[in-house]
Amino acid sequence: MTSEDPSGTALPATTSLANRYGSQKRAFGGKTKRNIVIAVLLVAVVFLFWATTSSSQSSVSFKDVGYSATDSTQSDVDFQVTKSPDATAKCAIKAMDSKFAVVGWKVVEIGPNAPKDGADGGQTTAQRTVLRTESAAVSAAVDNCWIVPNSK
């Protein structure tokens, strides 16, 4: 297929298309391809380093065991904390009333514990905390736990 330029000369179809839509795009050169591969490998190495180091840092988990309201101004909260035996953790404990309003709040520190023989090597410890409340609580639980920085 051919077309004509303004002077009436017949042009091949590829030249006509190039004039209309622009020339064909060039493929990446050798240096560009190499730089892209290097950048992807560098990002992969950084990601692997981050994934390896972040998972090796200390973590803490908790499990609510129960609570009892001794009177309208006090509740006892029982919970378990699992952490590295030599780490120090802090846990926020809250008590709530029937409308889920917080009526008591306390942050407790769980220090390092001696490693023991057992299923988890002394990582899990049972805790009981006395929590003062403003009014009668109908529930109490651990809100969150975290490792204290530089405690290892």
N, C-alpha and C. Protein backbone atom coordinates (compact mmCIF):
# COMPACT_ATOMS: atom_id res chain seq x y z
N MET A 1 0.85 -1.16 0.00
CA MET A 1 0.00 0.00 0.00
C MET A 1 0.89 1.22 0.00
N THR A 2 0.51 2.20 -0.76
CA THR A 2 1.29 3.43 -0.85
C THR A 2 0.36 4.61 -0.68
N SER A 3 0.96 5.73 -0.35
CA SER A 3 0.21 6.98 -0.26
C SER A 3 1.04 8.05 -0.93
N GLU A 4 0.50 9.24 -1.04
CA GLU A 4 1.21 10.31 -1.72
C GLU A 4 1.56 11.40 -0.74
N ASP A 5 2.74 12.01 -0.96
CA ASP A 5 3.09 13.16 -0.16
C ASP A 5 2.47 14.39 -0.81
N PRO A 6 2.60 15.57 -0.21
CA PRO A 6 1.96 16.76 -0.78
C PRO A 6 2.39 17.06 -2.22
N SER A 7 3.57 16.62 -2.62
CA SER A 7 4.03 16.90 -3.99
C SER A 7 3.49 15.87 -4.98
N GLY A 8 2.76 14.86 -4.48
CA GLY A 8 2.18 13.86 -5.36
C GLY A 8 3.03 12.65 -5.57
N THR A 9 4.20 12.55 -4.89
CA THR A 9 5.07 11.40 -5.02
C THR A 9 4.56 10.28 -4.14
N ALA A 10 4.57 9.07 -4.64
CA ALA A 10 4.10 7.93 -3.86
C ALA A 10 5.12 7.59 -2.79
N LEU A 11 4.64 7.39 -1.52
CA LEU A 11 5.49 7.03 -0.39
C LEU A 11 5.14 5.63 0.06
N PRO A 12 6.14 4.85 0.52
CA PRO A 12 5.81 3.54 1.07
C PRO A 12 4.93 3.69 2.32
N ALA A 13 4.18 2.67 2.65
CA ALA A 13 3.23 2.72 3.78
C ALA A 13 3.94 2.98 5.10
N THR A 14 5.13 2.41 5.31
CA THR A 14 5.82 2.59 6.59
C THR A 14 6.22 4.05 6.79
N THR A 15 6.64 4.74 5.75
CA THR A 15 7.01 6.14 5.86
C THR A 15 5.78 6.97 6.17
N SER A 16 4.67 6.64 5.52
CA SER A 16 3.43 7.36 5.75
C SER A 16 2.98 7.20 7.20
N LEU A 17 3.05 5.99 7.73
CA LEU A 17 2.68 5.76 9.12
C LEU A 17 3.60 6.50 10.08
N ALA A 18 4.89 6.53 9.78
CA ALA A 18 5.85 7.23 10.62
C ALA A 18 5.53 8.72 10.65
N ASN A 19 5.13 9.27 9.50
CA ASN A 19 4.78 10.69 9.46
C ASN A 19 3.52 10.96 10.28
N ARG A 20 2.59 10.03 10.25
CA ARG A 20 1.33 10.24 10.92
C ARG A 20 1.44 10.00 12.43
N TYR A 21 2.05 8.90 12.83
CA TYR A 21 2.07 8.50 14.24
C TYR A 21 3.41 8.66 14.93
N GLY A 22 4.42 9.04 14.22
CA GLY A 22 5.75 9.15 14.79
C GLY A 22 6.55 7.90 14.50
N SER A 23 7.85 8.01 14.68
CA SER A 23 8.72 6.89 14.36
C SER A 23 8.58 5.79 15.41
N GLN A 24 9.04 4.60 15.06
CA GLN A 24 8.96 3.48 15.99
C GLN A 24 9.89 3.73 17.18
N LYS A 25 9.43 3.27 18.34
CA LYS A 25 10.24 3.43 19.56
C LYS A 25 11.38 2.43 19.54
N ARG A 26 12.52 2.91 19.99
CA ARG A 26 13.68 2.02 20.05
C ARG A 26 13.61 1.17 21.31
N ALA A 27 14.15 -0.03 21.24
CA ALA A 27 14.24 -0.92 22.40
C ALA A 27 15.32 -0.39 23.34
N PHE A 28 15.27 -0.83 24.61
CA PHE A 28 16.30 -0.43 25.56
C PHE A 28 17.66 -0.89 25.08
N GLY A 29 18.65 -0.06 25.29
CA GLY A 29 20.01 -0.42 24.92
C GLY A 29 20.61 -1.36 25.97
N GLY A 30 21.78 -1.87 25.70
CA GLY A 30 22.45 -2.81 26.60
C GLY A 30 22.73 -2.23 27.96
N LYS A 31 23.19 -0.96 28.01
CA LYS A 31 23.49 -0.33 29.31
C LYS A 31 22.22 -0.12 30.12
N THR A 32 21.16 0.26 29.46
CA THR A 32 19.90 0.50 30.18
C THR A 32 19.37 -0.80 30.76
N LYS A 33 19.41 -1.87 29.98
CA LYS A 33 18.95 -3.16 30.49
C LYS A 33 19.79 -3.59 31.69
N ARG A 34 21.11 -3.42 31.59
CA ARG A 34 22.00 -3.80 32.69
C ARG A 34 21.68 -2.97 33.94
N ASN A 35 21.46 -1.68 33.78
CA ASN A 35 21.16 -0.82 34.94
C ASN A 35 19.83 -1.21 35.59
N ILE A 36 18.84 -1.60 34.78
CA ILE A 36 17.56 -2.03 35.34
C ILE A 36 17.74 -3.32 36.14
N VAL A 37 18.50 -4.27 35.62
CA VAL A 37 18.75 -5.53 36.32
C VAL A 37 19.49 -5.26 37.63
N ILE A 38 20.48 -4.39 37.61
CA ILE A 38 21.23 -4.06 38.83
C ILE A 38 20.30 -3.41 39.86
N ALA A 39 19.43 -2.50 39.42
CA ALA A 39 18.51 -1.84 40.35
C ALA A 39 17.55 -2.83 40.97
N VAL A 40 17.02 -3.76 40.18
CA VAL A 40 16.09 -4.77 40.70
C VAL A 40 16.81 -5.68 41.70
N LEU A 41 18.02 -6.10 41.39
CA LEU A 41 18.78 -6.94 42.32
C LEU A 41 19.08 -6.21 43.62
N LEU A 42 19.42 -4.93 43.53
CA LEU A 42 19.70 -4.14 44.71
C LEU A 42 18.46 -4.02 45.60
N VAL A 43 17.31 -3.76 45.00
CA VAL A 43 16.06 -3.69 45.76
C VAL A 43 15.75 -5.04 46.42
N ALA A 44 15.99 -6.14 45.70
CA ALA A 44 15.73 -7.47 46.26
C ALA A 44 16.65 -7.75 47.45
N VAL A 45 17.91 -7.38 47.36
CA VAL A 45 18.85 -7.59 48.47
C VAL A 45 18.45 -6.76 49.68
N VAL A 46 18.06 -5.51 49.47
CA VAL A 46 17.63 -4.66 50.58
C VAL A 46 16.37 -5.24 51.23
N PHE A 47 15.44 -5.71 50.43
CA PHE A 47 14.22 -6.30 50.98
C PHE A 47 14.54 -7.55 51.81
N LEU A 48 15.40 -8.42 51.30
CA LEU A 48 15.77 -9.63 52.05
C LEU A 48 16.47 -9.28 53.36
N PHE A 49 17.33 -8.27 53.33
CA PHE A 49 18.01 -7.83 54.56
C PHE A 49 16.98 -7.33 55.57
N TRP A 50 16.05 -6.51 55.12
CA TRP A 50 15.02 -5.97 56.01
C TRP A 50 14.16 -7.10 56.58
N ALA A 51 13.73 -8.04 55.73
CA ALA A 51 12.88 -9.13 56.19
C ALA A 51 13.61 -10.00 57.20
N THR A 52 14.89 -10.23 57.01
CA THR A 52 15.67 -11.06 57.92
C THR A 52 15.86 -10.37 59.26
N THR A 53 16.22 -9.11 59.26
CA THR A 53 16.49 -8.42 60.52
C THR A 53 15.23 -8.06 61.27
N SER A 54 14.14 -7.75 60.59
CA SER A 54 12.93 -7.37 61.31
C SER A 54 12.30 -8.57 62.00
N SER A 55 12.42 -9.75 61.44
CA SER A 55 11.82 -10.92 62.08
C SER A 55 12.66 -11.44 63.24
N SER A 56 13.92 -11.05 63.30
CA SER A 56 14.77 -11.52 64.40
C SER A 56 14.69 -10.62 65.62
N GLN A 57 14.03 -9.48 65.50
CA GLN A 57 13.90 -8.61 66.65
C GLN A 57 12.86 -9.18 67.60
N SER A 58 12.96 -8.78 68.85
CA SER A 58 12.08 -9.31 69.88
C SER A 58 10.64 -8.92 69.61
N SER A 59 9.78 -9.87 69.88
CA SER A 59 8.36 -9.58 69.79
C SER A 59 7.71 -10.04 71.09
N VAL A 60 6.50 -9.60 71.29
CA VAL A 60 5.77 -9.95 72.50
C VAL A 60 4.33 -10.26 72.11
N SER A 61 3.76 -11.23 72.79
CA SER A 61 2.34 -11.53 72.60
C SER A 61 1.71 -11.75 73.97
N PHE A 62 0.40 -11.63 74.02
CA PHE A 62 -0.29 -11.77 75.29
C PHE A 62 -1.58 -12.55 75.09
N LYS A 63 -2.07 -13.10 76.20
CA LYS A 63 -3.32 -13.85 76.17
C LYS A 63 -4.07 -13.53 77.45
N ASP A 64 -5.31 -13.09 77.30
CA ASP A 64 -6.15 -12.84 78.47
C ASP A 64 -6.59 -14.17 79.06
N VAL A 65 -6.44 -14.31 80.37
CA VAL A 65 -6.84 -15.53 81.04
C VAL A 65 -8.16 -15.33 81.77
N GLY A 66 -8.32 -14.19 82.42
CA GLY A 66 -9.56 -13.92 83.14
C GLY A 66 -9.47 -12.66 83.96
N TYR A 67 -10.59 -12.31 84.55
CA TYR A 67 -10.61 -11.16 85.44
C TYR A 67 -11.68 -11.39 86.51
N SER A 68 -11.54 -10.66 87.59
CA SER A 68 -12.58 -10.68 88.62
C SER A 68 -12.70 -9.29 89.21
N ALA A 69 -13.93 -8.84 89.38
CA ALA A 69 -14.18 -7.54 89.98
C ALA A 69 -14.37 -7.76 91.48
N THR A 70 -13.41 -7.32 92.27
CA THR A 70 -13.51 -7.53 93.72
C THR A 70 -14.54 -6.60 94.34
N ASP A 71 -14.64 -5.38 93.85
CA ASP A 71 -15.70 -4.45 94.25
C ASP A 71 -15.82 -3.39 93.16
N SER A 72 -16.55 -2.31 93.42
CA SER A 72 -16.78 -1.32 92.37
C SER A 72 -15.57 -0.44 92.09
N THR A 73 -14.49 -0.61 92.87
CA THR A 73 -13.32 0.23 92.65
C THR A 73 -12.06 -0.57 92.31
N GLN A 74 -12.20 -1.87 92.13
CA GLN A 74 -11.01 -2.68 91.90
C GLN A 74 -11.34 -3.95 91.11
N SER A 75 -10.44 -4.30 90.20
CA SER A 75 -10.55 -5.55 89.43
C SER A 75 -9.19 -6.22 89.40
N ASP A 76 -9.20 -7.54 89.37
CA ASP A 76 -7.97 -8.32 89.21
C ASP A 76 -7.96 -8.87 87.79
N VAL A 77 -6.85 -8.70 87.09
CA VAL A 77 -6.74 -9.16 85.71
C VAL A 77 -5.63 -10.21 85.65
N ASP A 78 -5.95 -11.37 85.10
CA ASP A 78 -4.98 -12.44 84.91
C ASP A 78 -4.69 -12.56 83.41
N PHE A 79 -3.40 -12.63 83.06
CA PHE A 79 -3.01 -12.75 81.66
C PHE A 79 -1.64 -13.40 81.57
N GLN A 80 -1.31 -13.86 80.37
CA GLN A 80 0.00 -14.45 80.10
C GLN A 80 0.73 -13.60 79.08
N VAL A 81 2.03 -13.47 79.27
CA VAL A 81 2.87 -12.71 78.35
C VAL A 81 3.96 -13.65 77.83
N THR A 82 4.11 -13.68 76.51
CA THR A 82 5.16 -14.48 75.88
C THR A 82 6.15 -13.53 75.22
N LYS A 83 7.40 -13.63 75.66
CA LYS A 83 8.47 -12.76 75.14
C LYS A 83 9.79 -13.46 75.35
N SER A 84 10.84 -12.86 74.84
CA SER A 84 12.17 -13.37 75.09
C SER A 84 12.45 -13.27 76.59
N PRO A 85 13.04 -14.30 77.22
CA PRO A 85 13.24 -14.27 78.67
C PRO A 85 14.08 -13.09 79.16
N ASP A 86 14.98 -12.58 78.34
CA ASP A 86 15.83 -11.48 78.81
C ASP A 86 15.29 -10.10 78.43
N ALA A 87 14.14 -10.01 77.80
CA ALA A 87 13.56 -8.73 77.39
C ALA A 87 12.61 -8.22 78.47
N THR A 88 12.41 -6.91 78.47
CA THR A 88 11.44 -6.27 79.34
C THR A 88 10.28 -5.78 78.48
N ALA A 89 9.08 -6.05 78.92
CA ALA A 89 7.89 -5.64 78.18
C ALA A 89 7.01 -4.77 79.06
N LYS A 90 6.17 -3.98 78.43
CA LYS A 90 5.14 -3.23 79.14
C LYS A 90 3.80 -3.59 78.51
N CYS A 91 2.79 -3.70 79.36
CA CYS A 91 1.45 -4.04 78.89
C CYS A 91 0.46 -3.02 79.44
N ALA A 92 -0.46 -2.58 78.58
CA ALA A 92 -1.54 -1.68 78.99
C ALA A 92 -2.76 -2.54 79.30
N ILE A 93 -3.28 -2.38 80.51
CA ILE A 93 -4.44 -3.14 80.98
C ILE A 93 -5.60 -2.16 81.12
N LYS A 94 -6.78 -2.57 80.65
CA LYS A 94 -7.94 -1.68 80.78
C LYS A 94 -9.13 -2.44 81.34
N ALA A 95 -9.97 -1.69 82.05
CA ALA A 95 -11.24 -2.21 82.55
C ALA A 95 -12.34 -1.35 81.95
N MET A 96 -13.46 -2.02 81.59
CA MET A 96 -14.56 -1.30 80.94
C MET A 96 -15.87 -1.56 81.67
N ASP A 97 -16.78 -0.59 81.56
CA ASP A 97 -18.10 -0.75 82.14
C ASP A 97 -19.06 -1.34 81.10
N SER A 98 -20.34 -1.40 81.44
CA SER A 98 -21.32 -2.03 80.55
C SER A 98 -21.52 -1.29 79.24
N LYS A 99 -21.12 -0.02 79.18
CA LYS A 99 -21.24 0.76 77.93
C LYS A 99 -19.90 0.82 77.19
N PHE A 100 -18.96 -0.03 77.56
CA PHE A 100 -17.63 -0.13 76.96
C PHE A 100 -16.78 1.13 77.18
N ALA A 101 -17.13 1.91 78.17
CA ALA A 101 -16.31 3.05 78.54
C ALA A 101 -15.17 2.54 79.43
N VAL A 102 -13.99 3.09 79.23
CA VAL A 102 -12.84 2.67 80.04
C VAL A 102 -12.97 3.30 81.42
N VAL A 103 -13.01 2.44 82.44
CA VAL A 103 -13.14 2.92 83.82
C VAL A 103 -11.87 2.65 84.63
N GLY A 104 -10.90 1.99 84.02
CA GLY A 104 -9.63 1.75 84.69
C GLY A 104 -8.55 1.48 83.65
N TRP A 105 -7.33 1.98 83.91
CA TRP A 105 -6.23 1.84 82.96
C TRP A 105 -4.94 1.80 83.73
N LYS A 106 -4.07 0.87 83.35
CA LYS A 106 -2.78 0.77 84.04
C LYS A 106 -1.77 0.17 83.08
N VAL A 107 -0.55 0.69 83.12
CA VAL A 107 0.56 0.13 82.34
C VAL A 107 1.47 -0.58 83.32
N VAL A 108 1.67 -1.88 83.09
CA VAL A 108 2.52 -2.68 83.97
C VAL A 108 3.77 -3.10 83.22
N GLU A 109 4.86 -3.20 83.96
CA GLU A 109 6.13 -3.62 83.37
C GLU A 109 6.42 -5.06 83.77
N ILE A 110 6.75 -5.87 82.77
CA ILE A 110 7.11 -7.26 83.00
C ILE A 110 8.60 -7.37 82.69
N GLY A 111 9.39 -7.53 83.73
CA GLY A 111 10.85 -7.55 83.57
C GLY A 111 11.35 -8.87 83.03
N PRO A 112 12.67 -8.98 82.91
CA PRO A 112 13.27 -10.23 82.44
C PRO A 112 12.91 -11.37 83.38
N ASN A 113 12.71 -12.55 82.84
CA ASN A 113 12.42 -13.71 83.66
C ASN A 113 13.49 -14.77 83.42
N ALA A 114 13.74 -15.57 84.44
CA ALA A 114 14.77 -16.59 84.35
C ALA A 114 14.33 -17.68 83.38
N PRO A 115 15.20 -18.05 82.45
CA PRO A 115 14.84 -19.13 81.54
C PRO A 115 14.61 -20.42 82.32
N LYS A 116 13.57 -21.13 81.95
CA LYS A 116 13.24 -22.37 82.63
C LYS A 116 13.18 -23.50 81.61
N ASP A 117 13.31 -24.69 82.12
CA ASP A 117 13.08 -25.84 81.25
C ASP A 117 11.57 -25.96 81.07
N GLY A 118 11.17 -26.23 79.88
CA GLY A 118 9.74 -26.37 79.62
C GLY A 118 9.48 -26.30 78.13
N ALA A 119 8.23 -26.25 77.82
CA ALA A 119 7.83 -26.27 76.41
C ALA A 119 8.34 -25.05 75.64
N ASP A 120 8.36 -23.89 76.29
CA ASP A 120 8.79 -22.69 75.57
C ASP A 120 10.05 -22.05 76.15
N GLY A 121 10.76 -22.74 77.00
CA GLY A 121 12.02 -22.24 77.54
C GLY A 121 11.89 -21.03 78.44
N GLY A 122 10.78 -20.90 79.12
CA GLY A 122 10.60 -19.77 80.04
C GLY A 122 10.17 -18.49 79.37
N GLN A 123 9.64 -18.56 78.17
CA GLN A 123 9.22 -17.35 77.48
C GLN A 123 7.85 -16.86 77.95
N THR A 124 6.99 -17.75 78.39
CA THR A 124 5.63 -17.37 78.81
C THR A 124 5.56 -17.28 80.32
N THR A 125 5.04 -16.16 80.81
CA THR A 125 4.87 -15.98 82.25
C THR A 125 3.43 -15.58 82.54
N ALA A 126 2.91 -16.05 83.66
CA ALA A 126 1.57 -15.69 84.11
C ALA A 126 1.67 -14.42 84.94
N GLN A 127 0.74 -13.52 84.73
CA GLN A 127 0.75 -12.23 85.44
C GLN A 127 -0.63 -12.00 86.05
N ARG A 128 -0.64 -11.34 87.20
CA ARG A 128 -1.89 -10.88 87.82
C ARG A 128 -1.68 -9.43 88.20
N THR A 129 -2.62 -8.59 87.81
CA THR A 129 -2.52 -7.16 88.08
C THR A 129 -3.80 -6.69 88.77
N VAL A 130 -3.61 -5.92 89.81
CA VAL A 130 -4.74 -5.28 90.49
C VAL A 130 -4.96 -3.93 89.82
N LEU A 131 -6.17 -3.72 89.35
CA LEU A 131 -6.49 -2.51 88.58
C LEU A 131 -7.55 -1.70 89.32
N ARG A 132 -7.23 -0.46 89.66
CA ARG A 132 -8.21 0.39 90.32
C ARG A 132 -9.16 0.95 89.26
N THR A 133 -10.44 1.04 89.61
CA THR A 133 -11.44 1.51 88.64
C THR A 133 -12.25 2.67 89.23
N GLU A 134 -12.81 3.48 88.34
CA GLU A 134 -13.64 4.61 88.76
C GLU A 134 -15.03 4.16 89.16
N SER A 135 -15.51 3.11 88.51
CA SER A 135 -16.83 2.56 88.81
C SER A 135 -16.76 1.06 88.54
N ALA A 136 -17.88 0.39 88.73
CA ALA A 136 -17.89 -1.07 88.56
C ALA A 136 -17.53 -1.46 87.13
N ALA A 137 -16.61 -2.39 87.01
CA ALA A 137 -16.19 -2.88 85.69
C ALA A 137 -16.90 -4.19 85.40
N VAL A 138 -17.28 -4.36 84.12
CA VAL A 138 -17.90 -5.63 83.72
C VAL A 138 -16.93 -6.47 82.89
N SER A 139 -15.81 -5.87 82.51
CA SER A 139 -14.77 -6.63 81.82
C SER A 139 -13.43 -5.93 82.01
N ALA A 140 -12.38 -6.72 81.89
CA ALA A 140 -11.03 -6.18 81.97
C ALA A 140 -10.14 -7.06 81.12
N ALA A 141 -9.19 -6.44 80.42
CA ALA A 141 -8.34 -7.18 79.48
C ALA A 141 -7.06 -6.42 79.21
N VAL A 142 -6.13 -7.11 78.59
CA VAL A 142 -4.90 -6.48 78.12
C VAL A 142 -5.22 -5.76 76.81
N ASP A 143 -4.88 -4.50 76.73
CA ASP A 143 -5.12 -3.73 75.51
C ASP A 143 -3.99 -3.92 74.52
N ASN A 144 -2.74 -3.89 75.00
CA ASN A 144 -1.58 -4.02 74.12
C ASN A 144 -0.34 -4.29 74.96
N CYS A 145 0.66 -4.93 74.34
CA CYS A 145 1.96 -5.13 74.98
C CYS A 145 3.04 -4.76 73.98
N TRP A 146 4.19 -4.31 74.48
CA TRP A 146 5.30 -3.96 73.62
C TRP A 146 6.61 -4.18 74.37
N ILE A 147 7.66 -4.37 73.60
CA ILE A 147 9.00 -4.54 74.18
C ILE A 147 9.57 -3.16 74.45
N VAL A 148 10.15 -2.99 75.64
CA VAL A 148 10.78 -1.74 75.98
C VAL A 148 12.11 -1.66 75.23
N PRO A 149 12.38 -0.59 74.48
CA PRO A 149 13.63 -0.49 73.72
C PRO A 149 14.85 -0.60 74.64
N ASN A 150 15.91 -1.17 74.12
CA ASN A 150 17.18 -1.34 74.82
C ASN A 150 17.04 -2.15 76.09
N SER A 151 16.09 -3.07 76.12
CA SER A 151 15.92 -3.88 77.32
C SER A 151 16.57 -5.24 77.15
N LYS A 152 17.13 -5.49 75.98
CA LYS A 152 17.73 -6.80 75.72
C LYS A 152 19.19 -6.81 76.04
